Protein backbone atom coordinates (compact mmCIF):
# COMPACT_ATOMS: atom_id res chain seq x y z
CA TYR A 1 118.09 79.46 114.10
CA LEU A 2 117.90 82.30 111.87
CA VAL A 3 118.80 79.82 108.99
CA LEU A 4 115.89 77.79 109.79
CA ALA A 5 113.50 81.05 110.69
CA VAL A 6 114.70 82.38 107.02
CA GLY A 7 114.36 79.33 105.22
CA LEU A 8 110.63 78.48 106.15
CA GLN A 9 109.64 82.20 105.93
CA SER A 10 111.64 81.07 102.01
CA LEU A 11 109.26 78.09 101.65
CA TRP A 12 106.10 80.04 103.02
CA SER A 13 106.56 82.61 100.71
CA LEU A 14 107.13 80.39 97.67
CA SER A 15 104.12 78.30 98.68
CA LEU A 16 102.11 81.49 98.59
CA ALA A 17 103.05 82.92 94.95
CA PHE A 18 102.38 79.13 93.75
CA VAL A 19 98.77 79.96 95.01
CA ASP A 20 98.36 83.16 93.63
CA ILE A 21 99.46 82.05 90.71
CA TYR A 22 97.30 79.01 90.35
CA ALA A 23 94.47 81.71 91.44
CA LEU A 24 95.30 84.29 88.55
CA LEU A 25 95.67 81.32 86.26
CA VAL A 26 91.89 80.03 86.85
CA LYS A 27 90.62 83.37 87.14
CA ARG A 28 89.41 82.18 90.47
CA SER A 29 89.17 84.78 94.28
CA LEU A 30 91.28 84.01 97.53
CA ARG A 31 88.78 86.38 98.82
CA ASN A 32 87.57 82.84 101.45
CA TYR A 33 87.92 82.90 105.13
CA ARG A 34 88.98 79.98 105.61
CA ALA A 35 92.41 81.08 103.18
CA ILE A 36 92.36 84.48 104.74
CA ARG A 37 92.52 82.60 108.14
CA LEU A 38 95.24 79.99 106.26
CA PHE A 39 97.51 83.11 105.50
CA THR A 40 97.36 85.25 108.33
CA ILE A 41 98.16 82.18 110.62
CA GLY A 42 101.41 81.45 108.34
CA ASP A 43 102.30 84.93 108.57
CA GLY A 44 102.01 85.40 111.53
CA ILE A 45 104.01 82.38 112.62
CA THR A 46 107.07 83.28 110.10
CA SER A 47 106.34 86.95 111.01
CA THR A 48 107.17 86.28 114.34
CA LEU A 49 109.99 83.09 114.14
CA THR A 50 111.45 85.69 111.49
CA PHE A 51 111.84 88.56 114.16
CA ALA A 52 113.20 86.10 117.24
CA ALA A 53 115.77 84.69 114.92
CA ALA A 54 117.39 88.58 114.36
CA CYS A 55 116.85 89.34 117.89
CA ALA A 56 118.42 86.58 118.91
CA SER A 57 121.49 86.66 116.17
CA ALA A 58 121.55 90.66 117.56
CA GLY A 59 122.71 89.33 120.75
CA ILE A 60 125.50 86.72 119.96
CA THR A 61 126.75 89.87 117.78
CA VAL A 62 126.53 92.35 120.65
CA LEU A 63 127.92 89.33 122.90
CA ILE A 64 130.75 88.75 120.19
CA GLY A 65 131.94 92.18 119.59
CA ASN A 66 131.31 94.49 122.60
CA ASP A 67 130.84 91.79 125.92
CA LEU A 68 133.83 89.53 124.66
CA ASP A 69 135.83 91.24 122.15
CA LYS A 70 136.03 89.07 120.20
CA CYS A 71 135.91 89.80 116.73
CA ALA A 72 138.79 89.55 115.22
CA LEU A 73 138.69 86.08 115.99
CA ASN A 74 135.06 85.86 114.78
CA HIS A 75 133.49 86.84 111.39
CA CYS A 76 131.52 89.81 113.09
CA THR A 77 130.88 91.92 110.16
CA GLY A 78 129.46 88.43 108.35
CA PHE A 79 127.25 88.52 111.51
CA GLU A 80 126.32 92.25 111.68
CA THR A 81 125.16 91.93 108.12
CA ALA A 82 123.15 88.47 108.60
CA THR A 83 121.15 90.25 111.32
CA ALA A 84 120.71 93.36 109.64
CA MET A 85 119.06 91.20 106.62
CA ALA A 86 117.31 89.47 109.39
CA PHE A 87 115.66 92.66 109.86
CA ILE A 88 115.41 93.87 106.48
CA SER A 89 113.24 90.83 106.57
CA TRP A 90 111.01 90.74 109.09
CA PHE A 91 110.39 94.73 108.23
CA ALA A 92 109.22 93.06 104.56
CA ILE A 93 107.31 90.22 106.29
CA SER A 94 105.13 92.85 108.72
CA PRO A 95 103.09 94.49 106.01
CA SER A 96 102.06 90.92 104.45
CA PHE A 97 100.73 89.89 108.41
CA LEU A 98 99.08 93.05 109.26
CA MET A 99 97.36 93.55 105.93
CA ASN A 100 96.26 89.89 105.86
CA PHE A 101 94.74 90.32 109.89
CA TRP A 102 92.75 93.49 108.50
CA SER A 103 91.74 91.55 106.11
CA LEU A 104 90.41 88.92 108.63
CA ALA A 105 89.16 91.16 111.45
CA SER A 106 87.07 93.11 108.24
CA HIS A 107 85.28 90.31 107.84
């Protein structure tokens, strides 16, 4: 689930980068209500999915590490690193969503 959510987030961010680069090249403003609404909905969906995946990964890591005490058989360090990176990714996504939401609400 984590890989799918972060993969979707990567594709979404890459497509937004292409749109931004195109807008800069043709010198066009993206301050369109429909564009801001699309960006806000997309950022909200990907942010929520990334946060849910990070929480699910943290739950599995705690289950394996603390409850089952099977860290020696599994790669807990890798799980913990992936979970930490997922939360860092969510913290990086959240300002984009909040700024787009604020811009949408101020229209």
